[in-house]
Amino acid sequence: MTDSASAIRRAIGEFAGDFGVKADDKLFEALAAYAGLLVEWNTVHNLTSVTSIEKVAVRHFLDSMALLCVLPPGFARILDAGTGAGFPGLVLALCRPDIFVLAADATAKKVSFCKTVIARLKIENAGAAQARLGSRAAIKALGSGFDAVVSRAAMDAPLLVKIARPHLKDGGLVIAMKGESVADDRQALLQMAQSPGLQMGKSPGPQMDKTPGPQRPQDPGSDKPAIEITEKSYTLPGLDKARWLLVAKIGKAIGSIAEP
């Protein structure tokens, strides 16, 4: 194992299992190669302020792995909205070969970096595309029918729900990775779900069995919530403040939310 891979194992190896990651030498070597590309590109393109191997391992790789706690089991198509340098999407693809991840961003250099990572690491279950999420062009370019749309601090949760809806299958998940702003995002989602423009049909399937969240808004025309909101907290080693996964399960929407 390379020195970089060993450093990543020391930094996150004992914690990755908490998120359901089956970590082995192959994964750590892939993450080491990813970190090397990130540091190399960062000297020119300023992709991240975190550049040490250990901090990249915790704040980017391990943080991305936390999403595995709430992703659906089995095959799933995941859209990473505003992926930046590929977080969390490409890390999810490395950890879960049984899913497909499309990493999307509006910035060309970030998409170019993601494509380089995919090519160099030979990640067969991932792709990258440049698109301004929320536009009609993005709907056409990225497609629909995704099981989940995820985003790591790229935008507030209500905006993420709006831009995600055209890309989701009925009953799909919107997962926002949040920090201290989780309370504001939660409240905004509750208000959003109760607005007339967001009345949806019944949400299929059972309620997600996650950490209990706030009271879920009820659709007046249904005995189940149109948007089921749940949340899960987690911590990262060496960081005191908790982070949150804010999950919204979305039913069928009426009308379009995309701007031209």
Protein backbone atom coordinates (compact mmCIF):
# COMPACT_ATOMS: atom_id res chain seq x y z
CA MET A 1 0.00 0.00 0.00
CA THR A 2 1.30 3.48 -0.86
CA ASP A 3 2.11 6.00 1.85
CA SER A 4 -0.89 8.14 0.88
CA ALA A 5 -3.26 5.17 1.03
CA SER A 6 -1.88 4.24 4.45
CA ALA A 7 -2.40 7.80 5.67
CA ILE A 8 -6.01 7.74 4.51
CA ARG A 9 -6.59 4.39 6.21
CA ARG A 10 -5.21 5.79 9.48
CA ALA A 11 -7.39 8.89 9.19
CA ILE A 12 -10.74 7.29 8.36
CA GLY A 13 -10.38 3.50 8.33
CA GLU A 14 -11.99 2.87 11.70
CA PHE A 15 -14.83 5.31 10.99
CA ALA A 16 -15.81 4.31 7.45
CA GLY A 17 -17.53 1.18 8.74
CA ASP A 18 -19.94 3.35 10.72
CA PHE A 19 -21.37 4.46 7.39
CA GLY A 20 -21.57 0.95 6.00
CA VAL A 21 -18.40 1.17 3.90
CA LYS A 22 -16.56 -2.10 3.31
CA ALA A 23 -13.11 -0.55 3.19
CA ASP A 24 -10.22 -2.51 1.69
CA ASP A 25 -6.80 -1.75 0.24
CA LYS A 26 -8.28 -1.22 -3.23
CA LEU A 27 -10.60 1.52 -1.97
CA PHE A 28 -7.85 3.28 -0.01
CA GLU A 29 -5.54 3.20 -3.02
CA ALA A 30 -8.30 4.68 -5.18
CA LEU A 31 -8.93 7.42 -2.62
CA ALA A 32 -5.20 8.13 -2.46
CA ALA A 33 -5.11 8.56 -6.23
CA TYR A 34 -8.17 10.83 -5.98
CA ALA A 35 -6.46 12.94 -3.31
CA GLY A 36 -3.32 13.19 -5.43
CA LEU A 37 -5.31 14.51 -8.40
CA LEU A 38 -7.15 16.95 -6.15
CA VAL A 39 -3.92 18.41 -4.78
CA GLU A 40 -2.36 18.51 -8.26
CA TRP A 41 -5.30 20.31 -9.88
CA ASN A 42 -5.77 22.58 -6.88
CA THR A 43 -2.49 24.36 -7.54
CA VAL A 44 -4.03 25.80 -10.72
CA HIS A 45 -7.81 25.59 -10.37
CA ASN A 46 -8.43 26.23 -6.65
CA LEU A 47 -10.89 23.38 -6.19
CA THR A 48 -10.64 23.18 -2.39
CA SER A 49 -9.12 24.94 0.60
CA VAL A 50 -8.36 21.55 2.18
CA THR A 51 -5.14 20.08 0.80
CA SER A 52 -3.49 17.82 3.39
CA ILE A 53 -4.08 14.10 2.81
CA GLU A 54 -5.52 13.58 6.31
CA LYS A 55 -7.93 16.53 6.07
CA VAL A 56 -9.04 15.55 2.56
CA ALA A 57 -9.71 12.06 3.89
CA VAL A 58 -11.92 13.29 6.74
CA ARG A 59 -13.59 16.43 5.39
CA HIS A 60 -14.17 15.24 1.82
CA PHE A 61 -14.01 11.45 1.64
CA LEU A 62 -15.48 10.42 4.99
CA ASP A 63 -18.04 13.22 4.91
CA SER A 64 -19.22 11.99 1.49
CA MET A 65 -19.49 8.43 2.81
CA ALA A 66 -22.04 9.56 5.41
CA LEU A 67 -24.66 9.64 2.66
CA LEU A 68 -24.53 5.86 2.44
CA CYS A 69 -26.57 5.78 5.67
CA VAL A 70 -29.67 7.08 3.87
CA LEU A 71 -29.26 5.94 0.27
CA PRO A 72 -31.68 3.21 -0.87
CA PRO A 73 -30.29 -0.35 -0.93
CA GLY A 74 -29.55 -2.10 -4.21
CA PHE A 75 -29.13 -0.48 -7.60
CA ALA A 76 -29.95 3.22 -7.71
CA ARG A 77 -29.30 6.13 -10.06
CA ILE A 78 -27.94 9.13 -8.17
CA LEU A 79 -27.61 12.71 -9.40
CA ASP A 80 -25.02 14.79 -7.55
CA ALA A 81 -26.16 18.41 -7.94
CA GLY A 82 -23.36 20.97 -7.75
CA THR A 83 -20.72 18.29 -7.33
CA GLY A 84 -17.69 20.61 -7.29
CA ALA A 85 -14.63 18.36 -7.15
CA GLY A 86 -16.82 15.25 -7.15
CA PHE A 87 -18.12 15.30 -3.59
CA PRO A 88 -20.08 13.40 -2.57
CA GLY A 89 -20.88 11.69 -5.87
CA LEU A 90 -17.61 10.15 -7.00
CA VAL A 91 -16.80 8.91 -3.49
CA LEU A 92 -20.21 7.23 -3.38
CA ALA A 93 -19.49 5.57 -6.72
CA LEU A 94 -16.18 4.21 -5.41
CA CYS A 95 -17.82 2.85 -2.25
CA ARG A 96 -20.93 1.46 -3.94
CA PRO A 97 -20.19 -0.23 -7.29
CA ASP A 98 -23.86 -1.27 -7.42
CA ILE A 99 -25.09 2.30 -8.00
CA PHE A 100 -24.63 4.78 -10.85
CA VAL A 101 -23.73 8.40 -10.09
CA LEU A 102 -23.95 11.36 -12.44
CA ALA A 103 -21.88 14.26 -11.09
CA ALA A 104 -23.21 17.58 -12.42
CA ASP A 105 -21.86 21.10 -12.05
CA ALA A 106 -22.20 24.39 -13.90
CA THR A 107 -18.45 25.10 -13.85
CA ALA A 108 -16.44 23.62 -16.70
CA LYS A 109 -13.16 23.19 -14.79
CA LYS A 110 -14.92 21.23 -12.03
CA VAL A 111 -16.61 18.91 -14.53
CA SER A 112 -13.28 18.47 -16.32
CA PHE A 113 -11.68 17.47 -13.03
CA CYS A 114 -14.44 14.96 -12.31
CA LYS A 115 -14.03 13.43 -15.76
CA THR A 116 -10.29 13.14 -15.14
CA VAL A 117 -10.90 11.36 -11.82
CA ILE A 118 -13.38 8.99 -13.48
CA ALA A 119 -10.92 8.20 -16.27
CA ARG A 120 -7.79 7.86 -14.13
CA LEU A 121 -9.48 5.74 -11.45
CA LYS A 122 -11.50 3.81 -14.06
CA ILE A 123 -14.79 4.42 -12.25
CA GLU A 124 -17.21 2.58 -14.51
CA ASN A 125 -20.34 3.44 -12.55
CA ALA A 126 -20.04 7.23 -12.74
CA GLY A 127 -20.28 10.03 -15.26
CA ALA A 128 -19.90 13.82 -15.20
CA ALA A 129 -21.82 16.52 -17.04
CA GLN A 130 -21.80 20.30 -17.20
CA ALA A 131 -25.24 21.76 -16.60
CA ARG A 132 -26.84 24.66 -14.76
CA LEU A 133 -29.22 22.85 -12.49
CA GLY A 134 -32.74 24.27 -12.53
CA SER A 135 -32.72 25.13 -16.24
CA ARG A 136 -34.70 23.43 -18.99
CA ALA A 137 -31.40 22.66 -20.70
CA ALA A 138 -30.27 20.74 -17.61
CA ILE A 139 -33.46 18.69 -17.59
CA LYS A 140 -32.80 17.69 -21.18
CA ALA A 141 -29.07 17.08 -20.65
CA LEU A 142 -29.24 15.13 -17.39
CA GLY A 143 -32.54 13.33 -17.82
CA SER A 144 -35.05 12.09 -15.28
CA GLY A 145 -35.90 8.96 -13.32
CA PHE A 146 -33.15 9.30 -10.70
CA ASP A 147 -33.71 7.52 -7.40
CA ALA A 148 -32.02 10.32 -5.47
CA VAL A 149 -30.61 13.80 -5.97
CA VAL A 150 -27.90 14.70 -3.48
CA SER A 151 -25.95 17.85 -2.75
CA ARG A 152 -23.19 18.71 -0.33
CA ALA A 153 -23.63 22.28 0.89
CA ALA A 154 -24.06 23.56 -2.65
CA MET A 155 -27.42 25.25 -1.99
CA ASP A 156 -30.23 25.51 0.54
CA ALA A 157 -32.60 22.57 0.81
CA PRO A 158 -35.74 24.21 -0.68
CA LEU A 159 -33.82 25.24 -3.80
CA LEU A 160 -32.38 21.74 -4.06
CA VAL A 161 -35.91 20.28 -3.95
CA LYS A 162 -37.05 22.64 -6.70
CA ILE A 163 -34.23 21.83 -9.09
CA ALA A 164 -34.30 18.13 -8.22
CA ARG A 165 -37.98 17.43 -8.86
CA PRO A 166 -37.84 17.18 -12.67
CA HIS A 167 -34.97 14.68 -12.42
CA LEU A 168 -36.53 12.39 -9.80
CA LYS A 169 -38.69 9.33 -10.13
CA ASP A 170 -41.91 9.40 -8.11
CA GLY A 171 -41.00 8.65 -4.52
CA GLY A 172 -37.38 9.65 -5.09
CA LEU A 173 -35.18 11.22 -2.46
CA VAL A 174 -33.65 14.67 -2.16
CA ILE A 175 -30.74 14.57 0.28
CA ALA A 176 -29.09 17.77 1.45
CA MET A 177 -25.91 17.61 3.50
CA LYS A 178 -26.08 20.43 6.01
CA GLY A 179 -24.24 21.93 8.94
CA GLU A 180 -25.51 24.50 11.41
CA SER A 181 -28.12 25.77 8.94
CA VAL A 182 -30.15 22.57 9.22
CA ALA A 183 -32.88 24.17 11.37
CA ASP A 184 -33.52 26.92 8.82
CA ASP A 185 -33.55 24.43 5.95
CA ARG A 186 -35.90 22.09 7.80
CA GLN A 187 -38.37 24.87 8.55
CA ALA A 188 -38.22 26.16 4.98
CA LEU A 189 -38.93 22.67 3.65
CA LEU A 190 -41.95 22.32 5.94
CA GLN A 191 -43.32 25.65 4.71
CA MET A 192 -42.56 24.69 1.12
CA ALA A 193 -44.43 21.41 1.45
CA GLN A 194 -47.52 23.20 2.75
CA SER A 195 -47.66 25.75 -0.09
CA PRO A 196 -50.41 25.29 -2.72
CA GLY A 197 -47.90 25.06 -5.55
CA LEU A 198 -46.40 21.92 -4.07
CA GLN A 199 -49.46 19.75 -3.53
CA MET A 200 -48.51 16.29 -4.69
CA GLY A 201 -50.06 12.85 -4.85
CA LYS A 202 -49.58 10.07 -2.37
CA SER A 203 -46.02 9.13 -1.57
CA PRO A 204 -45.54 5.46 -2.47
CA GLY A 205 -43.98 2.93 -0.16
CA PRO A 206 -43.36 2.93 3.58
CA GLN A 207 -42.00 5.85 5.53
CA MET A 208 -38.19 5.86 5.78
CA ASP A 209 -36.95 4.38 9.02
CA LYS A 210 -34.44 7.05 10.02
CA THR A 211 -33.78 9.29 12.97
CA PRO A 212 -37.13 10.93 13.82
CA GLY A 213 -37.40 14.41 12.37
CA PRO A 214 -39.96 17.16 12.77
CA GLN A 215 -43.66 16.60 12.21
CA ARG A 216 -44.31 15.82 8.57
CA PRO A 217 -46.78 18.02 6.66
CA GLN A 218 -49.89 16.27 5.39
CA ASP A 219 -51.29 16.63 1.91
CA PRO A 220 -54.99 17.53 2.34
CA GLY A 221 -55.86 15.17 -0.49
CA SER A 222 -53.94 12.20 0.84
CA ASP A 223 -53.58 10.10 3.97
CA LYS A 224 -49.80 10.17 3.51
CA PRO A 225 -47.43 13.15 3.34
CA ALA A 226 -46.58 14.52 -0.10
CA ILE A 227 -43.10 15.32 1.17
CA GLU A 228 -41.76 13.09 3.93
CA ILE A 229 -38.98 14.86 5.79
CA THR A 230 -36.49 12.91 7.89
CA GLU A 231 -33.01 13.66 9.13
CA LYS A 232 -29.92 11.97 10.49
CA SER A 233 -27.01 13.54 12.35
CA TYR A 234 -23.40 12.42 12.33
CA THR A 235 -19.98 13.64 13.40
CA LEU A 236 -16.55 13.54 11.82
CA PRO A 237 -13.35 12.77 13.76
CA GLY A 238 -11.55 15.87 14.94
CA LEU A 239 -14.56 18.13 14.30
CA ASP A 240 -16.79 19.12 17.20
CA LYS A 241 -19.91 20.28 15.37
CA ALA A 242 -22.47 17.76 14.17
CA ARG A 243 -23.47 17.53 10.53
CA TRP A 244 -26.85 16.54 9.17
CA LEU A 245 -28.44 14.64 6.32
CA LEU A 246 -31.78 16.27 5.58
CA VAL A 247 -33.87 13.86 3.51
CA ALA A 248 -37.07 14.67 1.63
CA LYS A 249 -39.02 11.91 -0.07
CA ILE A 250 -40.90 13.49 -2.95
CA GLY A 251 -44.21 12.47 -4.54
CA LYS A 252 -45.50 13.48 -7.95
CA ALA A 253 -45.34 17.20 -8.67
CA ILE A 254 -47.84 19.28 -10.59
CA GLY A 255 -46.41 21.60 -13.21
CA SER A 256 -42.85 22.60 -13.95
CA ILE A 257 -40.45 24.53 -11.77
CA ALA A 258 -37.64 25.02 -14.28
CA GLU A 259 -36.87 28.39 -15.76
CA PRO A 260 -35.96 28.75 -19.44
